[in-house]
Amino acid sequence: MSRNISVIIPTLNEARHLEACVAALGPLSDYELIVVDGGSHDGTTEIAVNLKARLFTTRPCRAAQMNLGANVASNDVFLFLHADTILPHDWKDIVHRTMLIPGTSVGAFEFSLDASSWQFTSVEKLANFRSRFFQMPYGDQAIFVNRENFFRIGAFPEISIMEDFAFCQAAKKLGQIRTVSAKAVTSSRRWKERGIIKTTLINQLVIALYSIGVSDRTLRRIYDSTK
């Protein structure tokens, strides 16, 4: 039953995380593994080959990488997974059960970080409130969708930032975006590098500016300038 899932991982210099991410997925015989690299120079592609992934390369744009992965995928369900995210051991069953619920357009896992403190817990709660109440999960939450809905939605817009937000906006027109209770555990590196408050504020600022029509190039500059 789980054979019809294609896991699509966009990478750019993710040698530190890719192996653990894939190891958590279980036997490769249970799913199709596609890695789409955006020009890594740290050995990511060699690791992908060793993991027996179907490896493709394209320009460094996560949306373009994920779309390429979907276009070459063999299976009926696509799961878009960040290389620094770990899924629960029963992820395949969860995906199948969720996609069988009538009216579901897209699914996602609950957001979780690999660090424990009240500050990180607050970030998780904010993200999961947004995901459930507004039906707007982050890309870190391992968004999954069946082939038909993906192409009806129109794939990910190939913009430099906010592609997950735009995709979910379009997906809501097809049906419910369901966030499951099982956790996708993501690296807390961004929050640790920039600071929890700063990272959260920048994320919310970018969302607000995108919502009023600020271009993705400008948003990318704002986001990168705060690193």
C-alpha atoms as a PDB file:
ATOM      1  CA  MET A   1       0.000   0.000   0.000  1.00  0.00           C
ATOM      2  CA  SER A   2       2.783   2.461   0.861  1.00  0.00           C
ATOM      3  CA  ARG A   3       4.646   1.802  -2.376  1.00  0.00           C
ATOM      4  CA  ASN A   4       2.775   4.595  -4.172  1.00  0.00           C
ATOM      5  CA  ILE A   5       4.394   7.500  -2.293  1.00  0.00           C
ATOM      6  CA  SER A   6       7.180   9.541  -3.855  1.00  0.00           C
ATOM      7  CA  VAL A   7       9.274  11.462  -1.313  1.00  0.00           C
ATOM      8  CA  ILE A   8      10.781  14.557  -2.921  1.00  0.00           C
ATOM      9  CA  ILE A   9      13.662  16.240  -1.088  1.00  0.00           C
ATOM     10  CA  PRO A  10      15.030  19.553  -2.409  1.00  0.00           C
ATOM     11  CA  THR A  11      18.627  20.049  -1.276  1.00  0.00           C
ATOM     12  CA  LEU A  12      21.303  22.712  -1.221  1.00  0.00           C
ATOM     13  CA  ASN A  13      24.353  21.880   0.899  1.00  0.00           C
ATOM     14  CA  GLU A  14      22.516  19.493   3.216  1.00  0.00           C
ATOM     15  CA  ALA A  15      25.272  16.923   3.728  1.00  0.00           C
ATOM     16  CA  ARG A  16      24.958  17.261   7.516  1.00  0.00           C
ATOM     17  CA  HIS A  17      21.285  16.315   7.557  1.00  0.00           C
ATOM     18  CA  LEU A  18      20.321  14.276   4.508  1.00  0.00           C
ATOM     19  CA  GLU A  19      21.414  10.850   5.723  1.00  0.00           C
ATOM     20  CA  ALA A  20      19.467  11.068   9.005  1.00  0.00           C
ATOM     21  CA  CYS A  21      16.419  12.410   7.183  1.00  0.00           C
ATOM     22  CA  VAL A  22      16.367   9.465   4.788  1.00  0.00           C
ATOM     23  CA  ALA A  23      17.219   6.886   7.464  1.00  0.00           C
ATOM     24  CA  ALA A  24      14.057   7.856   9.369  1.00  0.00           C
ATOM     25  CA  LEU A  25      11.926   7.031   6.324  1.00  0.00           C
ATOM     26  CA  GLY A  26      12.583   3.314   6.560  1.00  0.00           C
ATOM     27  CA  PRO A  27      13.317   0.779   3.793  1.00  0.00           C
ATOM     28  CA  LEU A  28      13.631   2.292   0.338  1.00  0.00           C
ATOM     29  CA  SER A  29      11.522  -0.568  -1.010  1.00  0.00           C
ATOM     30  CA  ASP A  30       8.505   1.081   0.667  1.00  0.00           C
ATOM     31  CA  TYR A  31       8.595   4.370  -1.254  1.00  0.00           C
ATOM     32  CA  GLU A  32      10.301   6.235  -4.080  1.00  0.00           C
ATOM     33  CA  LEU A  33      13.119   8.582  -3.026  1.00  0.00           C
ATOM     34  CA  ILE A  34      13.841  11.601  -5.227  1.00  0.00           C
ATOM     35  CA  VAL A  35      16.503  14.165  -4.350  1.00  0.00           C
ATOM     36  CA  VAL A  36      16.615  17.349  -6.433  1.00  0.00           C
ATOM     37  CA  ASP A  37      19.773  19.327  -5.787  1.00  0.00           C
ATOM     38  CA  GLY A  38      20.245  23.023  -6.431  1.00  0.00           C
ATOM     39  CA  GLY A  39      24.025  23.072  -6.808  1.00  0.00           C
ATOM     40  CA  SER A  40      25.531  21.719  -3.586  1.00  0.00           C
ATOM     41  CA  HIS A  41      29.289  21.755  -3.059  1.00  0.00           C
ATOM     42  CA  ASP A  42      29.492  19.930   0.281  1.00  0.00           C
ATOM     43  CA  GLY A  43      29.006  16.328  -0.816  1.00  0.00           C
ATOM     44  CA  THR A  44      25.205  16.294  -0.671  1.00  0.00           C
ATOM     45  CA  THR A  45      24.858  14.742  -4.120  1.00  0.00           C
ATOM     46  CA  GLU A  46      27.357  11.994  -3.325  1.00  0.00           C
ATOM     47  CA  ILE A  47      25.365  11.144  -0.200  1.00  0.00           C
ATOM     48  CA  ALA A  48      22.152  11.064  -2.247  1.00  0.00           C
ATOM     49  CA  VAL A  49      23.733   8.623  -4.695  1.00  0.00           C
ATOM     50  CA  ASN A  50      24.952   6.417  -1.831  1.00  0.00           C
ATOM     51  CA  LEU A  51      21.419   6.429  -0.425  1.00  0.00           C
ATOM     52  CA  LYS A  52      20.212   5.156  -3.829  1.00  0.00           C
ATOM     53  CA  ALA A  53      17.985   8.153  -4.414  1.00  0.00           C
ATOM     54  CA  ARG A  54      16.920   9.182  -7.885  1.00  0.00           C
ATOM     55  CA  LEU A  55      19.099  12.290  -8.155  1.00  0.00           C
ATOM     56  CA  PHE A  56      18.329  15.316 -10.313  1.00  0.00           C
ATOM     57  CA  THR A  57      19.899  18.763 -10.444  1.00  0.00           C
ATOM     58  CA  THR A  58      18.498  22.153 -11.363  1.00  0.00           C
ATOM     59  CA  ARG A  59      18.876  25.828 -10.451  1.00  0.00           C
ATOM     60  CA  PRO A  60      18.884  26.713  -6.734  1.00  0.00           C
ATOM     61  CA  CYS A  61      15.185  27.468  -6.262  1.00  0.00           C
ATOM     62  CA  ARG A  62      13.282  25.227  -3.838  1.00  0.00           C
ATOM     63  CA  ALA A  63      10.008  25.589  -5.732  1.00  0.00           C
ATOM     64  CA  ALA A  64      11.655  24.669  -9.040  1.00  0.00           C
ATOM     65  CA  GLN A  65      13.409  21.743  -7.372  1.00  0.00           C
ATOM     66  CA  MET A  66      10.166  20.398  -5.900  1.00  0.00           C
ATOM     67  CA  ASN A  67       8.320  20.842  -9.191  1.00  0.00           C
ATOM     68  CA  LEU A  68      11.020  18.954 -11.061  1.00  0.00           C
ATOM     69  CA  GLY A  69      10.741  16.157  -8.509  1.00  0.00           C
ATOM     70  CA  ALA A  70       6.972  15.992  -8.979  1.00  0.00           C
ATOM     71  CA  ASN A  71       7.328  15.914 -12.753  1.00  0.00           C
ATOM     72  CA  VAL A  72       9.649  12.897 -12.670  1.00  0.00           C
ATOM     73  CA  ALA A  73       7.891  11.081  -9.800  1.00  0.00           C
ATOM     74  CA  SER A  74       6.433   7.670 -10.549  1.00  0.00           C
ATOM     75  CA  ASN A  75       3.821   7.438  -7.821  1.00  0.00           C
ATOM     76  CA  ASP A  76       0.355   8.742  -6.967  1.00  0.00           C
ATOM     77  CA  VAL A  77       1.183  10.683  -3.792  1.00  0.00           C
ATOM     78  CA  PHE A  78       3.930  13.290  -3.416  1.00  0.00           C
ATOM     79  CA  LEU A  79       5.499  14.160  -0.064  1.00  0.00           C
ATOM     80  CA  PHE A  80       7.787  17.207  -0.054  1.00  0.00           C
ATOM     81  CA  LEU A  81      10.373  16.833   2.685  1.00  0.00           C
ATOM     82  CA  HIS A  82      13.061  19.243   3.829  1.00  0.00           C
ATOM     83  CA  ALA A  83      16.427  17.557   4.346  1.00  0.00           C
ATOM     84  CA  ASP A  84      16.672  18.739   7.956  1.00  0.00           C
ATOM     85  CA  THR A  85      13.310  17.234   8.959  1.00  0.00           C
ATOM     86  CA  ILE A  86      12.639  13.841  10.550  1.00  0.00           C
ATOM     87  CA  LEU A  87       9.317  12.066  10.096  1.00  0.00           C
ATOM     88  CA  PRO A  88       7.746   9.541  12.519  1.00  0.00           C
ATOM     89  CA  HIS A  89       8.226   5.841  11.797  1.00  0.00           C
ATOM     90  CA  ASP A  90       4.583   5.375  10.710  1.00  0.00           C
ATOM     91  CA  TRP A  91       4.578   8.326   8.309  1.00  0.00           C
ATOM     92  CA  LYS A  92       3.419   6.259   5.339  1.00  0.00           C
ATOM     93  CA  ASP A  93       0.276   4.989   7.078  1.00  0.00           C
ATOM     94  CA  ILE A  94      -0.484   8.511   8.303  1.00  0.00           C
ATOM     95  CA  VAL A  95      -0.225   9.917   4.791  1.00  0.00           C
ATOM     96  CA  HIS A  96      -2.513   7.248   3.370  1.00  0.00           C
ATOM     97  CA  ARG A  97      -5.145   7.610   6.100  1.00  0.00           C
ATOM     98  CA  THR A  98      -5.189  11.374   5.699  1.00  0.00           C
ATOM     99  CA  MET A  99      -5.516  11.333   1.933  1.00  0.00           C
ATOM    100  CA  LEU A 100      -8.486   8.962   2.215  1.00  0.00           C
ATOM    101  CA  ILE A 101     -10.505  11.487   4.258  1.00  0.00           C
ATOM    102  CA  PRO A 102     -13.164  12.963   1.954  1.00  0.00           C
ATOM    103  CA  GLY A 103     -12.601  16.596   1.032  1.00  0.00           C
ATOM    104  CA  THR A 104      -8.852  16.571   1.683  1.00  0.00           C
ATOM    105  CA  SER A 105      -6.797  18.555  -0.805  1.00  0.00           C
ATOM    106  CA  VAL A 106      -3.407  18.572   0.972  1.00  0.00           C
ATOM    107  CA  GLY A 107      -1.979  17.197   4.204  1.00  0.00           C
ATOM    108  CA  ALA A 108       0.876  18.163   6.510  1.00  0.00           C
ATOM    109  CA  PHE A 109       2.479  16.996   9.737  1.00  0.00           C
ATOM    110  CA  GLU A 110       2.511  18.933  12.989  1.00  0.00           C
ATOM    111  CA  PHE A 111       5.416  21.358  13.293  1.00  0.00           C
ATOM    112  CA  SER A 112       8.051  20.491  15.885  1.00  0.00           C
ATOM    113  CA  LEU A 113      11.617  21.617  16.581  1.00  0.00           C
ATOM    114  CA  ASP A 114      14.517  19.469  17.787  1.00  0.00           C
ATOM    115  CA  ALA A 115      15.124  21.683  20.827  1.00  0.00           C
ATOM    116  CA  SER A 116      13.217  22.003  24.076  1.00  0.00           C
ATOM    117  CA  SER A 117      12.593  25.253  25.926  1.00  0.00           C
ATOM    118  CA  TRP A 118       9.558  27.413  26.489  1.00  0.00           C
ATOM    119  CA  GLN A 119      10.688  29.689  23.653  1.00  0.00           C
ATOM    120  CA  PHE A 120      10.818  26.844  21.139  1.00  0.00           C
ATOM    121  CA  THR A 121       7.516  25.483  22.439  1.00  0.00           C
ATOM    122  CA  SER A 122       5.973  28.898  21.808  1.00  0.00           C
ATOM    123  CA  VAL A 123       7.232  28.857  18.206  1.00  0.00           C
ATOM    124  CA  GLU A 124       5.729  25.394  17.715  1.00  0.00           C
ATOM    125  CA  LYS A 125       2.364  26.438  19.140  1.00  0.00           C
ATOM    126  CA  LEU A 126       2.211  29.513  16.919  1.00  0.00           C
ATOM    127  CA  ALA A 127       3.074  27.489  13.816  1.00  0.00           C
ATOM    128  CA  ASN A 128       0.547  24.760  14.580  1.00  0.00           C
ATOM    129  CA  PHE A 129      -2.195  27.293  15.321  1.00  0.00           C
ATOM    130  CA  ARG A 130      -1.566  28.856  11.918  1.00  0.00           C
ATOM    131  CA  SER A 131      -1.464  25.421  10.297  1.00  0.00           C
ATOM    132  CA  ARG A 132      -4.749  24.215  11.766  1.00  0.00           C
ATOM    133  CA  PHE A 133      -6.833  27.382  12.137  1.00  0.00           C
ATOM    134  CA  PHE A 134      -5.800  29.067   8.886  1.00  0.00           C
ATOM    135  CA  GLN A 135      -4.932  25.832   7.011  1.00  0.00           C
ATOM    136  CA  MET A 136      -1.493  27.259   6.164  1.00  0.00           C
ATOM    137  CA  PRO A 137       1.270  24.808   7.071  1.00  0.00           C
ATOM    138  CA  TYR A 138       4.930  25.630   6.552  1.00  0.00           C
ATOM    139  CA  GLY A 139       7.088  23.688   4.110  1.00  0.00           C
ATOM    140  CA  ASP A 140       8.930  22.277   7.155  1.00  0.00           C
ATOM    141  CA  GLN A 141       5.791  20.258   7.921  1.00  0.00           C
ATOM    142  CA  ALA A 142       6.289  17.731   5.105  1.00  0.00           C
ATOM    143  CA  ILE A 143       3.389  18.782   2.892  1.00  0.00           C
ATOM    144  CA  PHE A 144       1.829  15.879   1.005  1.00  0.00           C
ATOM    145  CA  VAL A 145      -0.673  15.779  -1.840  1.00  0.00           C
ATOM    146  CA  ASN A 146      -1.894  13.365  -4.468  1.00  0.00           C
ATOM    147  CA  ARG A 147      -0.737  13.753  -8.060  1.00  0.00           C
ATOM    148  CA  GLU A 148      -4.081  14.926  -9.409  1.00  0.00           C
ATOM    149  CA  ASN A 149      -4.486  17.690  -6.825  1.00  0.00           C
ATOM    150  CA  PHE A 150      -0.886  18.825  -7.176  1.00  0.00           C
ATOM    151  CA  PHE A 151      -1.291  19.560 -10.855  1.00  0.00           C
ATOM    152  CA  ARG A 152      -4.800  20.962 -10.400  1.00  0.00           C
ATOM    153  CA  ILE A 153      -3.364  23.404  -7.871  1.00  0.00           C
ATOM    154  CA  GLY A 154      -0.768  24.336 -10.461  1.00  0.00           C
ATOM    155  CA  ALA A 155       2.397  23.086  -8.718  1.00  0.00           C
ATOM    156  CA  PHE A 156       4.573  25.415  -6.637  1.00  0.00           C
ATOM    157  CA  PRO A 157       4.940  28.930  -8.041  1.00  0.00           C
ATOM    158  CA  GLU A 158       8.616  29.233  -8.931  1.00  0.00           C
ATOM    159  CA  ILE A 159       9.371  32.192  -6.717  1.00  0.00           C
ATOM    160  CA  SER A 160      12.391  32.664  -4.475  1.00  0.00           C
ATOM    161  CA  ILE A 161      10.466  32.610  -1.186  1.00  0.00           C
ATOM    162  CA  MET A 162       6.924  31.915   0.098  1.00  0.00           C
ATOM    163  CA  GLU A 163       6.276  29.109  -2.371  1.00  0.00           C
ATOM    164  CA  ASP A 164       4.707  26.965   0.373  1.00  0.00           C
ATOM    165  CA  PHE A 165       2.385  29.820   1.409  1.00  0.00           C
ATOM    166  CA  ALA A 166       1.254  30.435  -2.178  1.00  0.00           C
ATOM    167  CA  PHE A 167       0.763  26.719  -2.799  1.00  0.00           C
ATOM    168  CA  CYS A 168      -1.440  26.323   0.268  1.00  0.00           C
ATOM    169  CA  GLN A 169      -3.468  29.408  -0.637  1.00  0.00           C
ATOM    170  CA  ALA A 170      -4.304  27.757  -3.942  1.00  0.00           C
ATOM    171  CA  ALA A 171      -4.860  24.324  -2.366  1.00  0.00           C
ATOM    172  CA  LYS A 172      -7.575  25.644  -0.046  1.00  0.00           C
ATOM    173  CA  LYS A 173      -9.749  26.258  -3.095  1.00  0.00           C
ATOM    174  CA  LEU A 174      -9.809  22.492  -3.734  1.00  0.00           C
ATOM    175  CA  GLY A 175     -10.653  21.323  -0.223  1.00  0.00           C
ATOM    176  CA  GLN A 176      -9.386  20.972   3.333  1.00  0.00           C
ATOM    177  CA  ILE A 177      -5.708  21.211   4.235  1.00  0.00           C
ATOM    178  CA  ARG A 178      -5.380  18.760   7.113  1.00  0.00           C
ATOM    179  CA  THR A 179      -2.635  18.915   9.729  1.00  0.00           C
ATOM    180  CA  VAL A 180      -2.145  15.545  11.400  1.00  0.00           C
ATOM    181  CA  SER A 181      -1.208  15.157  15.062  1.00  0.00           C
ATOM    182  CA  ALA A 182       2.044  13.294  14.298  1.00  0.00           C
ATOM    183  CA  LYS A 183       5.150  15.494  14.330  1.00  0.00           C
ATOM    184  CA  ALA A 184       7.670  16.372  11.672  1.00  0.00           C
ATOM    185  CA  VAL A 185      10.734  17.313  13.719  1.00  0.00           C
ATOM    186  CA  THR A 186      12.769  20.057  12.085  1.00  0.00           C
ATOM    187  CA  SER A 187      16.236  21.355  12.904  1.00  0.00           C
ATOM    188  CA  SER A 188      16.172  24.452  15.099  1.00  0.00           C
ATOM    189  CA  ARG A 189      19.350  25.782  13.465  1.00  0.00           C
ATOM    190  CA  ARG A 190      17.691  28.878  11.932  1.00  0.00           C
ATOM    191  CA  TRP A 191      16.229  29.956  15.253  1.00  0.00           C
ATOM    192  CA  LYS A 192      19.511  29.330  17.065  1.00  0.00           C
ATOM    193  CA  GLU A 193      21.579  31.195  14.481  1.00  0.00           C
ATOM    194  CA  ARG A 194      19.355  34.263  14.201  1.00  0.00           C
ATOM    195  CA  GLY A 195      17.659  34.180  17.571  1.00  0.00           C
ATOM    196  CA  ILE A 196      14.161  32.937  18.326  1.00  0.00           C
ATOM    197  CA  ILE A 197      12.420  36.307  18.553  1.00  0.00           C
ATOM    198  CA  LYS A 198      14.179  37.746  15.516  1.00  0.00           C
ATOM    199  CA  THR A 199      13.444  34.688  13.364  1.00  0.00           C
ATOM    200  CA  THR A 200       9.778  34.633  14.358  1.00  0.00           C
ATOM    201  CA  LEU A 201       9.352  38.355  13.690  1.00  0.00           C
ATOM    202  CA  ILE A 202      11.068  38.151  10.302  1.00  0.00           C
ATOM    203  CA  ASN A 203       8.869  35.201   9.302  1.00  0.00           C
ATOM    204  CA  GLN A 204       5.716  37.122  10.220  1.00  0.00           C
ATOM    205  CA  LEU A 205       6.961  40.275   8.483  1.00  0.00           C
ATOM    206  CA  VAL A 206       7.627  38.391   5.249  1.00  0.00           C
ATOM    207  CA  ILE A 207       4.146  36.832   5.375  1.00  0.00           C
ATOM    208  CA  ALA A 208       2.542  40.234   5.943  1.00  0.00           C
ATOM    209  CA  LEU A 209       4.491  41.887   3.123  1.00  0.00           C
ATOM    210  CA  TYR A 210       3.748  39.028   0.734  1.00  0.00           C
ATOM    211  CA  SER A 211       0.043  39.348   1.540  1.00  0.00           C
ATOM    212  CA  ILE A 212       0.016  42.974   0.416  1.00  0.00           C
ATOM    213  CA  GLY A 213       1.798  42.228  -2.829  1.00  0.00           C
ATOM    214  CA  VAL A 214       5.496  42.854  -2.161  1.00  0.00           C
ATOM    215  CA  SER A 215       7.551  40.972  -4.761  1.00  0.00           C
ATOM    216  CA  ASP A 216       9.310  37.747  -3.893  1.00  0.00           C
ATOM    217  CA  ARG A 217      12.684  39.249  -4.877  1.00  0.00           C
ATOM    218  CA  THR A 218      12.244  42.049  -2.361  1.00  0.00           C
ATOM    219  CA  LEU A 219      11.096  39.582   0.282  1.00  0.00           C
ATOM    220  CA  ARG A 220      14.129  37.409  -0.399  1.00  0.00           C
ATOM    221  CA  ARG A 221      16.444  40.386   0.091  1.00  0.00           C
ATOM    222  CA  ILE A 222      14.735  41.290   3.349  1.00  0.00           C
ATOM    223  CA  TYR A 223      14.902  37.702   4.587  1.00  0.00           C
ATOM    224  CA  ASP A 224      18.548  37.229   3.637  1.00  0.00           C
ATOM    225  CA  SER A 225      19.640  40.595   5.018  1.00  0.00           C
ATOM    226  CA  THR A 226      18.627  39.512   8.506  1.00  0.00           C
ATOM    227  CA  LYS A 227      20.927  36.486   8.605  1.00  0.00           C
END
